[in-house]
Amino acid sequence: MKKCNKCGKYKPLKEFIKNKQCKDEVAGTCKNCQNSYSKKWKQLHSKTLSEKRRKRYAETEGMEVKEREEKRKLLHPLRVRCQLLRHGMQDRAKMKGIDFDSQFFTVSYLMDRLIKNPNCECCNKKLDIGYKKDKKFNDNSPSMDRVNPKLGYTKSNVAILCWRCNKHKQDATANELRMIADFMDVWGNEV
């Protein structure tokens, strides 16, 4: 137990800020008092701080922010990929005037779904969820497919396919795809 210099209350040591320069390696101010002090100080000096941040951003052309963003993407590639998938579904639904079940298709739901089945639901190829700095996707990147293209992004109408399968399927019917496969069989275009 230790007494806080600001509020005067006795609190357990884990309630205090760590400071290796102090005798017992714990500062004399509790975390609550220090947090409220810091919050008030930032509010009081917000104008100066924002001017400094703007100036530093302009001088570095936003490199600090870009580096932080890059680091986040490298640390959490699955989350970033699921955010891209969800955002893409939202944008296409809005653009095409179709349904998008935003309550159901959350980032955490998409993450869980990709963890449970990391393969394409069409060809069973392993999906590539890694972060790509230069390219947003490749043939093995996951993409959201509306099984019935006339319907929206709803629970019963969405499959996660690799980009290649989704591109092939696009707006083709099953009969059209069978016809193309038969044509390729005749001409021997199998790779």
N, C-alpha and C. Protein backbone atom coordinates (compact mmCIF):
# COMPACT_ATOMS: atom_id res chain seq x y z
N MET A 1 0.84 -1.19 0.00
CA MET A 1 0.00 0.00 0.00
C MET A 1 0.88 1.25 0.00
N LYS A 2 0.38 2.24 -0.69
CA LYS A 2 1.12 3.50 -0.79
C LYS A 2 0.12 4.64 -0.85
N LYS A 3 0.54 5.78 -0.34
CA LYS A 3 -0.33 6.97 -0.32
C LYS A 3 -0.05 7.81 -1.57
N CYS A 4 -1.13 8.19 -2.25
CA CYS A 4 -1.02 9.04 -3.44
C CYS A 4 -0.76 10.47 -3.01
N ASN A 5 0.20 11.13 -3.67
CA ASN A 5 0.55 12.52 -3.36
C ASN A 5 -0.58 13.49 -3.71
N LYS A 6 -1.42 13.14 -4.70
CA LYS A 6 -2.46 14.07 -5.16
C LYS A 6 -3.77 13.90 -4.38
N CYS A 7 -4.31 12.65 -4.35
CA CYS A 7 -5.61 12.45 -3.70
C CYS A 7 -5.49 12.09 -2.22
N GLY A 8 -4.31 11.69 -1.77
CA GLY A 8 -4.08 11.36 -0.36
C GLY A 8 -4.64 10.02 0.07
N LYS A 9 -5.11 9.20 -0.85
CA LYS A 9 -5.66 7.89 -0.51
C LYS A 9 -4.58 6.82 -0.57
N TYR A 10 -4.73 5.81 0.29
CA TYR A 10 -3.83 4.66 0.27
C TYR A 10 -4.37 3.64 -0.73
N LYS A 11 -3.48 3.22 -1.62
CA LYS A 11 -3.88 2.29 -2.68
C LYS A 11 -2.80 1.23 -2.86
N PRO A 12 -3.16 0.06 -3.45
CA PRO A 12 -2.15 -0.97 -3.73
C PRO A 12 -1.14 -0.46 -4.76
N LEU A 13 0.06 -1.03 -4.75
CA LEU A 13 1.13 -0.56 -5.64
C LEU A 13 0.77 -0.68 -7.13
N LYS A 14 -0.07 -1.65 -7.47
CA LYS A 14 -0.44 -1.80 -8.88
C LYS A 14 -1.31 -0.64 -9.38
N GLU A 15 -1.83 0.18 -8.49
CA GLU A 15 -2.65 1.35 -8.84
C GLU A 15 -1.79 2.58 -9.14
N PHE A 16 -0.46 2.42 -9.04
CA PHE A 16 0.45 3.54 -9.25
C PHE A 16 1.23 3.38 -10.54
N ILE A 17 1.67 4.50 -11.10
CA ILE A 17 2.45 4.53 -12.33
C ILE A 17 3.85 4.02 -12.02
N LYS A 18 4.40 3.20 -12.92
CA LYS A 18 5.76 2.70 -12.76
C LYS A 18 6.74 3.81 -13.13
N ASN A 19 7.78 3.94 -12.31
CA ASN A 19 8.82 4.94 -12.57
C ASN A 19 10.11 4.41 -11.98
N LYS A 20 11.06 4.00 -12.82
CA LYS A 20 12.31 3.39 -12.34
C LYS A 20 13.21 4.37 -11.62
N GLN A 21 12.96 5.65 -11.77
CA GLN A 21 13.79 6.64 -11.10
C GLN A 21 13.41 6.80 -9.62
N CYS A 22 12.22 6.37 -9.26
CA CYS A 22 11.78 6.46 -7.87
C CYS A 22 12.40 5.32 -7.05
N LYS A 23 12.44 5.51 -5.75
CA LYS A 23 13.08 4.56 -4.84
C LYS A 23 12.47 3.16 -4.96
N ASP A 24 11.16 3.06 -4.91
CA ASP A 24 10.48 1.76 -5.00
C ASP A 24 9.98 1.46 -6.42
N GLU A 25 10.50 2.19 -7.41
CA GLU A 25 10.17 2.06 -8.83
C GLU A 25 8.69 2.32 -9.12
N VAL A 26 8.04 3.07 -8.22
CA VAL A 26 6.64 3.44 -8.39
C VAL A 26 6.53 4.93 -8.11
N ALA A 27 5.84 5.67 -9.01
CA ALA A 27 5.68 7.12 -8.84
C ALA A 27 4.80 7.40 -7.63
N GLY A 28 4.81 8.62 -7.17
CA GLY A 28 4.02 9.02 -6.01
C GLY A 28 2.57 9.33 -6.34
N THR A 29 2.22 9.33 -7.63
CA THR A 29 0.86 9.66 -8.06
C THR A 29 0.16 8.39 -8.57
N CYS A 30 -1.09 8.20 -8.15
CA CYS A 30 -1.84 7.03 -8.62
C CYS A 30 -2.25 7.24 -10.08
N LYS A 31 -2.61 6.14 -10.73
CA LYS A 31 -2.97 6.19 -12.16
C LYS A 31 -4.18 7.08 -12.41
N ASN A 32 -5.20 7.02 -11.54
CA ASN A 32 -6.41 7.83 -11.72
C ASN A 32 -6.08 9.32 -11.69
N CYS A 33 -5.29 9.73 -10.68
CA CYS A 33 -4.93 11.15 -10.56
C CYS A 33 -4.08 11.60 -11.75
N GLN A 34 -3.13 10.74 -12.16
CA GLN A 34 -2.27 11.09 -13.28
C GLN A 34 -3.07 11.19 -14.58
N ASN A 35 -4.01 10.28 -14.78
CA ASN A 35 -4.85 10.32 -15.98
C ASN A 35 -5.71 11.57 -16.04
N SER A 36 -6.31 11.94 -14.91
CA SER A 36 -7.15 13.15 -14.90
C SER A 36 -6.29 14.39 -15.11
N TYR A 37 -5.09 14.41 -14.51
CA TYR A 37 -4.18 15.54 -14.72
C TYR A 37 -3.79 15.65 -16.19
N SER A 38 -3.42 14.51 -16.80
CA SER A 38 -3.00 14.50 -18.22
C SER A 38 -4.14 14.95 -19.13
N LYS A 39 -5.34 14.49 -18.83
CA LYS A 39 -6.50 14.86 -19.64
C LYS A 39 -6.73 16.37 -19.58
N LYS A 40 -6.70 16.93 -18.38
CA LYS A 40 -6.90 18.39 -18.22
C LYS A 40 -5.79 19.16 -18.92
N TRP A 41 -4.55 18.69 -18.79
CA TRP A 41 -3.42 19.37 -19.41
C TRP A 41 -3.57 19.37 -20.93
N LYS A 42 -3.96 18.23 -21.50
CA LYS A 42 -4.13 18.15 -22.95
C LYS A 42 -5.26 19.04 -23.44
N GLN A 43 -6.34 19.13 -22.65
CA GLN A 43 -7.44 20.02 -23.03
C GLN A 43 -7.00 21.48 -22.99
N LEU A 44 -6.23 21.81 -21.98
CA LEU A 44 -5.75 23.19 -21.81
C LEU A 44 -4.78 23.58 -22.93
N HIS A 45 -3.96 22.64 -23.37
CA HIS A 45 -2.94 22.92 -24.39
C HIS A 45 -3.28 22.32 -25.76
N SER A 46 -4.54 22.04 -26.00
CA SER A 46 -4.94 21.36 -27.23
C SER A 46 -4.59 22.16 -28.49
N LYS A 47 -4.74 23.47 -28.42
CA LYS A 47 -4.44 24.30 -29.59
C LYS A 47 -2.97 24.21 -29.97
N THR A 48 -2.10 24.33 -28.98
CA THR A 48 -0.66 24.25 -29.23
C THR A 48 -0.27 22.87 -29.74
N LEU A 49 -0.83 21.84 -29.12
CA LEU A 49 -0.51 20.47 -29.53
C LEU A 49 -0.95 20.19 -30.96
N SER A 50 -2.15 20.63 -31.32
CA SER A 50 -2.63 20.38 -32.68
C SER A 50 -1.82 21.16 -33.71
N GLU A 51 -1.38 22.36 -33.36
CA GLU A 51 -0.52 23.12 -34.27
C GLU A 51 0.80 22.40 -34.50
N LYS A 52 1.37 21.87 -33.41
CA LYS A 52 2.63 21.13 -33.53
C LYS A 52 2.45 19.87 -34.38
N ARG A 53 1.33 19.16 -34.16
CA ARG A 53 1.07 17.95 -34.93
C ARG A 53 0.90 18.27 -36.42
N ARG A 54 0.16 19.34 -36.71
CA ARG A 54 -0.04 19.74 -38.10
C ARG A 54 1.28 20.11 -38.76
N LYS A 55 2.11 20.83 -38.03
CA LYS A 55 3.41 21.26 -38.56
C LYS A 55 4.29 20.04 -38.83
N ARG A 56 4.34 19.10 -37.87
CA ARG A 56 5.15 17.89 -38.04
C ARG A 56 4.61 17.04 -39.19
N TYR A 57 3.30 16.97 -39.33
CA TYR A 57 2.68 16.21 -40.42
C TYR A 57 3.08 16.82 -41.76
N ALA A 58 3.03 18.16 -41.85
CA ALA A 58 3.39 18.84 -43.10
C ALA A 58 4.87 18.66 -43.43
N GLU A 59 5.72 18.73 -42.41
CA GLU A 59 7.16 18.59 -42.64
C GLU A 59 7.53 17.20 -43.11
N THR A 60 6.88 16.20 -42.56
CA THR A 60 7.22 14.81 -42.91
C THR A 60 6.30 14.25 -43.99
N GLU A 61 5.41 15.07 -44.50
CA GLU A 61 4.42 14.66 -45.50
C GLU A 61 3.61 13.47 -45.01
N GLY A 62 3.33 13.45 -43.74
CA GLY A 62 2.50 12.41 -43.15
C GLY A 62 3.16 11.06 -43.02
N MET A 63 4.48 11.01 -43.09
CA MET A 63 5.18 9.73 -43.04
C MET A 63 4.96 8.98 -41.73
N GLU A 64 4.88 9.71 -40.62
CA GLU A 64 4.65 9.06 -39.32
C GLU A 64 3.33 8.31 -39.33
N VAL A 65 2.30 8.97 -39.83
CA VAL A 65 0.97 8.36 -39.88
C VAL A 65 0.98 7.17 -40.83
N LYS A 66 1.62 7.33 -41.99
CA LYS A 66 1.69 6.25 -42.97
C LYS A 66 2.45 5.05 -42.42
N GLU A 67 3.55 5.31 -41.69
CA GLU A 67 4.33 4.23 -41.09
C GLU A 67 3.52 3.49 -40.02
N ARG A 68 2.77 4.24 -39.21
CA ARG A 68 1.92 3.62 -38.19
C ARG A 68 0.86 2.73 -38.84
N GLU A 69 0.28 3.23 -39.90
CA GLU A 69 -0.75 2.49 -40.63
C GLU A 69 -0.16 1.22 -41.25
N GLU A 70 1.02 1.34 -41.83
CA GLU A 70 1.72 0.20 -42.43
C GLU A 70 2.03 -0.86 -41.37
N LYS A 71 2.49 -0.41 -40.22
CA LYS A 71 2.82 -1.32 -39.11
C LYS A 71 1.57 -2.06 -38.64
N ARG A 72 0.46 -1.35 -38.53
CA ARG A 72 -0.81 -1.96 -38.11
C ARG A 72 -1.24 -3.03 -39.11
N LYS A 73 -1.09 -2.73 -40.38
CA LYS A 73 -1.49 -3.69 -41.42
C LYS A 73 -0.62 -4.94 -41.38
N LEU A 74 0.67 -4.78 -41.11
CA LEU A 74 1.57 -5.93 -41.03
C LEU A 74 1.30 -6.77 -39.78
N LEU A 75 0.93 -6.11 -38.69
CA LEU A 75 0.68 -6.83 -37.43
C LEU A 75 -0.64 -7.59 -37.44
N HIS A 76 -1.64 -7.06 -38.14
CA HIS A 76 -2.99 -7.65 -38.12
C HIS A 76 -3.52 -7.83 -39.54
N PRO A 77 -2.88 -8.71 -40.35
CA PRO A 77 -3.31 -8.84 -41.75
C PRO A 77 -4.74 -9.38 -41.90
N LEU A 78 -5.16 -10.29 -41.04
CA LEU A 78 -6.50 -10.86 -41.15
C LEU A 78 -7.56 -9.79 -40.90
N ARG A 79 -7.36 -8.97 -39.86
CA ARG A 79 -8.31 -7.90 -39.55
C ARG A 79 -8.39 -6.90 -40.72
N VAL A 80 -7.24 -6.52 -41.25
CA VAL A 80 -7.19 -5.56 -42.36
C VAL A 80 -7.91 -6.14 -43.58
N ARG A 81 -7.66 -7.43 -43.87
CA ARG A 81 -8.31 -8.06 -45.02
C ARG A 81 -9.83 -8.08 -44.84
N CYS A 82 -10.29 -8.40 -43.61
CA CYS A 82 -11.73 -8.45 -43.35
C CYS A 82 -12.36 -7.05 -43.40
N GLN A 83 -11.61 -6.03 -42.99
CA GLN A 83 -12.11 -4.67 -43.11
C GLN A 83 -12.27 -4.30 -44.58
N LEU A 84 -11.30 -4.71 -45.41
CA LEU A 84 -11.40 -4.45 -46.86
C LEU A 84 -12.60 -5.18 -47.46
N LEU A 85 -12.80 -6.45 -47.07
CA LEU A 85 -13.94 -7.22 -47.58
C LEU A 85 -15.25 -6.55 -47.22
N ARG A 86 -15.39 -6.16 -45.96
CA ARG A 86 -16.64 -5.55 -45.48
C ARG A 86 -16.89 -4.21 -46.18
N HIS A 87 -15.84 -3.41 -46.27
CA HIS A 87 -15.97 -2.10 -46.91
C HIS A 87 -16.36 -2.26 -48.38
N GLY A 88 -15.77 -3.26 -49.06
CA GLY A 88 -16.11 -3.52 -50.46
C GLY A 88 -17.56 -3.92 -50.62
N MET A 89 -18.05 -4.77 -49.70
CA MET A 89 -19.46 -5.19 -49.76
C MET A 89 -20.37 -3.98 -49.58
N GLN A 90 -20.04 -3.14 -48.62
CA GLN A 90 -20.85 -1.93 -48.36
C GLN A 90 -20.90 -1.04 -49.59
N ASP A 91 -19.74 -0.78 -50.17
CA ASP A 91 -19.67 0.11 -51.33
C ASP A 91 -20.45 -0.44 -52.52
N ARG A 92 -20.27 -1.72 -52.82
CA ARG A 92 -20.98 -2.31 -53.96
C ARG A 92 -22.48 -2.33 -53.72
N ALA A 93 -22.89 -2.62 -52.47
CA ALA A 93 -24.32 -2.65 -52.16
C ALA A 93 -24.93 -1.27 -52.36
N LYS A 94 -24.22 -0.25 -51.92
CA LYS A 94 -24.72 1.12 -52.07
C LYS A 94 -24.77 1.52 -53.55
N MET A 95 -23.71 1.17 -54.29
CA MET A 95 -23.62 1.54 -55.70
C MET A 95 -24.69 0.83 -56.53
N LYS A 96 -24.95 -0.45 -56.22
CA LYS A 96 -25.91 -1.23 -57.01
C LYS A 96 -27.32 -1.18 -56.46
N GLY A 97 -27.49 -0.54 -55.29
CA GLY A 97 -28.82 -0.45 -54.68
C GLY A 97 -29.35 -1.79 -54.20
N ILE A 98 -28.47 -2.62 -53.66
CA ILE A 98 -28.88 -3.94 -53.16
C ILE A 98 -28.72 -3.98 -51.64
N ASP A 99 -29.26 -5.03 -51.03
CA ASP A 99 -29.21 -5.17 -49.57
C ASP A 99 -27.79 -5.48 -49.09
N PHE A 100 -27.49 -4.96 -47.91
CA PHE A 100 -26.25 -5.30 -47.21
C PHE A 100 -26.61 -5.44 -45.73
N ASP A 101 -26.45 -6.63 -45.17
CA ASP A 101 -26.79 -6.90 -43.78
C ASP A 101 -25.62 -6.48 -42.89
N SER A 102 -25.59 -5.20 -42.51
CA SER A 102 -24.46 -4.67 -41.74
C SER A 102 -24.40 -5.22 -40.32
N GLN A 103 -25.54 -5.62 -39.78
CA GLN A 103 -25.55 -6.20 -38.43
C GLN A 103 -24.89 -7.58 -38.43
N PHE A 104 -25.06 -8.31 -39.51
CA PHE A 104 -24.53 -9.68 -39.59
C PHE A 104 -23.07 -9.69 -40.04
N PHE A 105 -22.75 -8.94 -41.09
CA PHE A 105 -21.40 -8.95 -41.65
C PHE A 105 -20.50 -7.94 -40.94
N THR A 106 -20.08 -8.29 -39.74
CA THR A 106 -19.13 -7.46 -39.00
C THR A 106 -17.72 -7.96 -39.30
N VAL A 107 -16.73 -7.16 -38.96
CA VAL A 107 -15.34 -7.55 -39.17
C VAL A 107 -15.03 -8.80 -38.35
N SER A 108 -15.51 -8.86 -37.11
CA SER A 108 -15.22 -10.03 -36.27
C SER A 108 -15.89 -11.29 -36.84
N TYR A 109 -17.09 -11.16 -37.40
CA TYR A 109 -17.75 -12.33 -38.02
C TYR A 109 -16.91 -12.83 -39.20
N LEU A 110 -16.46 -11.91 -40.05
CA LEU A 110 -15.66 -12.31 -41.21
C LEU A 110 -14.34 -12.94 -40.78
N MET A 111 -13.73 -12.41 -39.71
CA MET A 111 -12.49 -12.99 -39.20
C MET A 111 -12.74 -14.42 -38.72
N ASP A 112 -13.80 -14.62 -37.95
CA ASP A 112 -14.13 -15.96 -37.45
C ASP A 112 -14.38 -16.92 -38.61
N ARG A 113 -15.08 -16.44 -39.62
CA ARG A 113 -15.41 -17.30 -40.77
C ARG A 113 -14.15 -17.71 -41.52
N LEU A 114 -13.21 -16.78 -41.70
CA LEU A 114 -11.97 -17.10 -42.40
C LEU A 114 -11.05 -17.99 -41.56
N ILE A 115 -11.12 -17.84 -40.24
CA ILE A 115 -10.31 -18.71 -39.37
C ILE A 115 -10.85 -20.14 -39.43
N LYS A 116 -12.19 -20.28 -39.40
CA LYS A 116 -12.80 -21.62 -39.44
C LYS A 116 -12.58 -22.30 -40.79
N ASN A 117 -12.67 -21.54 -41.87
CA ASN A 117 -12.47 -22.11 -43.20
C ASN A 117 -11.57 -21.17 -44.01
N PRO A 118 -10.24 -21.40 -43.97
CA PRO A 118 -9.32 -20.52 -44.69
C PRO A 118 -9.17 -20.86 -46.17
N ASN A 119 -10.10 -21.68 -46.71
CA ASN A 119 -10.03 -22.10 -48.11
C ASN A 119 -11.19 -21.52 -48.91
N CYS A 120 -10.99 -21.44 -50.22
CA CYS A 120 -12.04 -21.00 -51.14
C CYS A 120 -13.20 -21.99 -51.08
N GLU A 121 -14.40 -21.49 -50.99
CA GLU A 121 -15.57 -22.35 -50.90
C GLU A 121 -15.93 -22.99 -52.24
N CYS A 122 -15.26 -22.57 -53.30
CA CYS A 122 -15.51 -23.13 -54.63
C CYS A 122 -14.45 -24.16 -54.99
N CYS A 123 -13.18 -23.78 -55.03
CA CYS A 123 -12.11 -24.67 -55.49
C CYS A 123 -11.29 -25.27 -54.35
N ASN A 124 -11.57 -24.85 -53.12
CA ASN A 124 -10.90 -25.35 -51.91
C ASN A 124 -9.41 -25.00 -51.84
N LYS A 125 -8.99 -24.00 -52.63
CA LYS A 125 -7.61 -23.52 -52.58
C LYS A 125 -7.43 -22.65 -51.33
N LYS A 126 -6.25 -22.70 -50.69
CA LYS A 126 -5.99 -21.90 -49.51
C LYS A 126 -6.01 -20.42 -49.88
N LEU A 127 -6.76 -19.63 -49.11
CA LEU A 127 -6.88 -18.19 -49.37
C LEU A 127 -5.67 -17.46 -48.81
N ASP A 128 -5.23 -16.45 -49.51
CA ASP A 128 -4.08 -15.64 -49.10
C ASP A 128 -4.60 -14.39 -48.40
N ILE A 129 -4.49 -14.35 -47.07
CA ILE A 129 -5.02 -13.21 -46.33
C ILE A 129 -3.92 -12.22 -45.93
N GLY A 130 -2.70 -12.47 -46.34
CA GLY A 130 -1.58 -11.60 -45.99
C GLY A 130 -1.74 -10.20 -46.56
N TYR A 131 -1.07 -9.25 -45.93
CA TYR A 131 -1.12 -7.86 -46.38
C TYR A 131 -0.20 -7.66 -47.56
N LYS A 132 -0.69 -7.03 -48.60
CA LYS A 132 0.08 -6.72 -49.79
C LYS A 132 0.30 -5.22 -49.85
N LYS A 133 1.55 -4.81 -49.83
CA LYS A 133 1.83 -3.37 -49.84
C LYS A 133 1.48 -2.74 -51.19
N ASP A 134 1.89 -3.39 -52.27
CA ASP A 134 1.70 -2.80 -53.60
C ASP A 134 0.38 -3.21 -54.25
N LYS A 135 0.01 -4.49 -54.10
CA LYS A 135 -1.22 -4.98 -54.72
C LYS A 135 -2.23 -5.28 -53.62
N LYS A 136 -3.48 -4.97 -53.88
CA LYS A 136 -4.52 -5.25 -52.89
C LYS A 136 -4.96 -6.70 -52.94
N PHE A 137 -4.81 -7.35 -54.08
CA PHE A 137 -5.26 -8.74 -54.18
C PHE A 137 -4.46 -9.49 -55.22
N ASN A 138 -4.55 -10.82 -55.14
CA ASN A 138 -4.01 -11.70 -56.16
C ASN A 138 -5.05 -12.80 -56.41
N ASP A 139 -4.72 -13.80 -57.20
CA ASP A 139 -5.69 -14.84 -57.53
C ASP A 139 -6.22 -15.59 -56.31
N ASN A 140 -5.41 -15.68 -55.25
CA ASN A 140 -5.81 -16.43 -54.06
C ASN A 140 -6.38 -15.53 -52.96
N SER A 141 -6.54 -14.26 -53.22
CA SER A 141 -7.11 -13.35 -52.22
C SER A 141 -8.59 -13.67 -52.01
N PRO A 142 -9.07 -13.55 -50.78
CA PRO A 142 -10.49 -13.80 -50.54
C PRO A 142 -11.36 -12.69 -51.13
N SER A 143 -12.52 -13.07 -51.62
CA SER A 143 -13.48 -12.08 -52.11
C SER A 143 -14.88 -12.57 -51.77
N MET A 144 -15.78 -11.62 -51.58
CA MET A 144 -17.15 -11.95 -51.20
C MET A 144 -17.98 -12.14 -52.47
N ASP A 145 -18.60 -13.30 -52.57
CA ASP A 145 -19.40 -13.63 -53.75
C ASP A 145 -20.88 -13.67 -53.37
N ARG A 146 -21.69 -12.96 -54.15
CA ARG A 146 -23.14 -13.11 -54.01
C ARG A 146 -23.52 -14.32 -54.86
N VAL A 147 -23.93 -15.39 -54.21
CA VAL A 147 -24.24 -16.64 -54.92
C VAL A 147 -25.27 -16.38 -56.01
N ASN A 148 -26.31 -15.66 -55.66
CA ASN A 148 -27.29 -15.22 -56.65
C ASN A 148 -27.02 -13.73 -56.90
N PRO A 149 -26.47 -13.36 -58.06
CA PRO A 149 -26.08 -11.97 -58.30
C PRO A 149 -27.22 -10.96 -58.23
N LYS A 150 -28.46 -11.43 -58.34
CA LYS A 150 -29.59 -10.51 -58.30
C LYS A 150 -29.94 -10.10 -56.88
N LEU A 151 -29.49 -10.89 -55.90
CA LEU A 151 -29.78 -10.60 -54.49
C LEU A 151 -28.60 -9.86 -53.87
N GLY A 152 -28.81 -9.35 -52.68
CA GLY A 152 -27.77 -8.57 -52.01
C GLY A 152 -26.88 -9.41 -51.13
N TYR A 153 -26.10 -8.72 -50.29
CA TYR A 153 -25.20 -9.36 -49.35
C TYR A 153 -25.99 -9.71 -48.09
N THR A 154 -26.60 -10.89 -48.11
CA THR A 154 -27.37 -11.37 -46.97
C THR A 154 -26.76 -12.68 -46.49
N LYS A 155 -27.14 -13.08 -45.30
CA LYS A 155 -26.58 -14.26 -44.65
C LYS A 155 -26.62 -15.50 -45.54
N SER A 156 -27.71 -15.71 -46.25
CA SER A 156 -27.87 -16.93 -47.04
C SER A 156 -27.39 -16.79 -48.48
N ASN A 157 -26.83 -15.64 -48.85
CA ASN A 157 -26.47 -15.42 -50.25
C ASN A 157 -24.99 -15.10 -50.45
N VAL A 158 -24.17 -15.35 -49.44
CA VAL A 158 -22.76 -14.94 -49.55
C VAL A 158 -21.83 -16.13 -49.33
N ALA A 159 -20.84 -16.25 -50.21
CA ALA A 159 -19.78 -17.24 -50.07
C ALA A 159 -18.44 -16.51 -50.17
N ILE A 160 -17.42 -17.05 -49.51
CA ILE A 160 -16.08 -16.47 -49.61
C ILE A 160 -15.30 -17.32 -50.59
N LEU A 161 -15.00 -16.72 -51.74
CA LEU A 161 -14.27 -17.42 -52.81
C LEU A 161 -12.92 -16.76 -53.02
N CYS A 162 -12.02 -17.48 -53.68
CA CYS A 162 -10.78 -16.84 -54.09
C CYS A 162 -11.14 -15.86 -55.22
N TRP A 163 -10.29 -14.88 -55.43
CA TRP A 163 -10.58 -13.85 -56.40
C TRP A 163 -10.73 -14.45 -57.80
N ARG A 164 -9.92 -15.46 -58.11
CA ARG A 164 -9.96 -16.08 -59.44
C ARG A 164 -11.31 -16.74 -59.70
N CYS A 165 -11.80 -17.54 -58.74
CA CYS A 165 -13.10 -18.20 -58.92
C CYS A 165 -14.23 -17.16 -59.05
N ASN A 166 -14.17 -16.14 -58.21
CA ASN A 166 -15.21 -15.12 -58.24
C ASN A 166 -15.19 -14.38 -59.58
N LYS A 167 -14.00 -14.12 -60.10
CA LYS A 167 -13.88 -13.41 -61.38
C LYS A 167 -14.44 -14.28 -62.51
N HIS A 168 -14.12 -15.59 -62.48
CA HIS A 168 -14.63 -16.49 -63.52
C HIS A 168 -16.15 -16.56 -63.45
N LYS A 169 -16.67 -16.65 -62.24
CA LYS A 169 -18.11 -16.80 -62.05
C LYS A 169 -18.84 -15.52 -62.41
N GLN A 170 -18.30 -14.40 -61.98
CA GLN A 170 -18.85 -13.06 -62.14
C GLN A 170 -20.35 -13.03 -62.40
N ASP A 171 -20.77 -12.90 -63.65
CA ASP A 171 -22.20 -12.85 -63.94
C ASP A 171 -22.62 -13.98 -64.89
N ALA A 172 -21.77 -15.02 -64.97
CA ALA A 172 -22.06 -16.15 -65.85
C ALA A 172 -23.05 -17.10 -65.18
N THR A 173 -23.82 -17.78 -66.00
CA THR A 173 -24.72 -18.81 -65.48
C THR A 173 -23.97 -20.14 -65.46
N ALA A 174 -24.53 -21.11 -64.75
CA ALA A 174 -23.91 -22.44 -64.68
C ALA A 174 -23.79 -23.05 -66.07
N ASN A 175 -24.82 -22.87 -66.91
CA ASN A 175 -24.79 -23.42 -68.27
C ASN A 175 -23.69 -22.78 -69.10
N GLU A 176 -23.50 -21.49 -68.98
CA GLU A 176 -22.44 -20.80 -69.72
C GLU A 176 -21.07 -21.32 -69.30
N LEU A 177 -20.87 -21.53 -68.01
CA LEU A 177 -19.58 -22.04 -67.52
C LEU A 177 -19.35 -23.47 -68.00
N ARG A 178 -20.40 -24.31 -68.02
CA ARG A 178 -20.27 -25.67 -68.54
C ARG A 178 -19.91 -25.65 -70.02
N MET A 179 -20.51 -24.73 -70.78
CA MET A 179 -20.25 -24.60 -72.20
C MET A 179 -18.78 -24.23 -72.43
N ILE A 180 -18.25 -23.31 -71.63
CA ILE A 180 -16.85 -22.91 -71.76
C ILE A 180 -15.94 -24.07 -71.40
N ALA A 181 -16.29 -24.82 -70.34
CA ALA A 181 -15.48 -25.99 -69.94
C ALA A 181 -15.48 -27.04 -71.06
N ASP A 182 -16.64 -27.29 -71.67
CA ASP A 182 -16.71 -28.25 -72.78
C ASP A 182 -15.85 -27.80 -73.95
N PHE A 183 -15.88 -26.50 -74.26
CA PHE A 183 -15.08 -25.93 -75.34
C PHE A 183 -13.59 -26.15 -75.05
N MET A 184 -13.19 -25.90 -73.79
CA MET A 184 -11.78 -26.06 -73.42
C MET A 184 -11.38 -27.55 -73.49
N ASP A 185 -12.28 -28.46 -73.13
CA ASP A 185 -11.99 -29.89 -73.23
C ASP A 185 -11.74 -30.31 -74.68
N VAL A 186 -12.55 -29.80 -75.59
CA VAL A 186 -12.42 -30.13 -77.01
C VAL A 186 -11.09 -29.64 -77.57
N TRP A 187 -10.70 -28.43 -77.20
CA TRP A 187 -9.50 -27.83 -77.76
C TRP A 187 -8.24 -28.15 -76.94
N GLY A 188 -8.39 -28.83 -75.82
CA GLY A 188 -7.22 -29.26 -75.03
C GLY A 188 -6.45 -28.11 -74.41
N ASN A 189 -7.16 -27.13 -73.84
CA ASN A 189 -6.51 -25.97 -73.24
C ASN A 189 -6.14 -26.20 -71.77
N GLU A 190 -6.16 -27.40 -71.29
CA GLU A 190 -5.87 -27.69 -69.89
C GLU A 190 -4.39 -27.40 -69.63
N VAL A 191 -4.13 -26.68 -68.57
CA VAL A 191 -2.74 -26.30 -68.25
C VAL A 191 -2.09 -27.37 -67.41
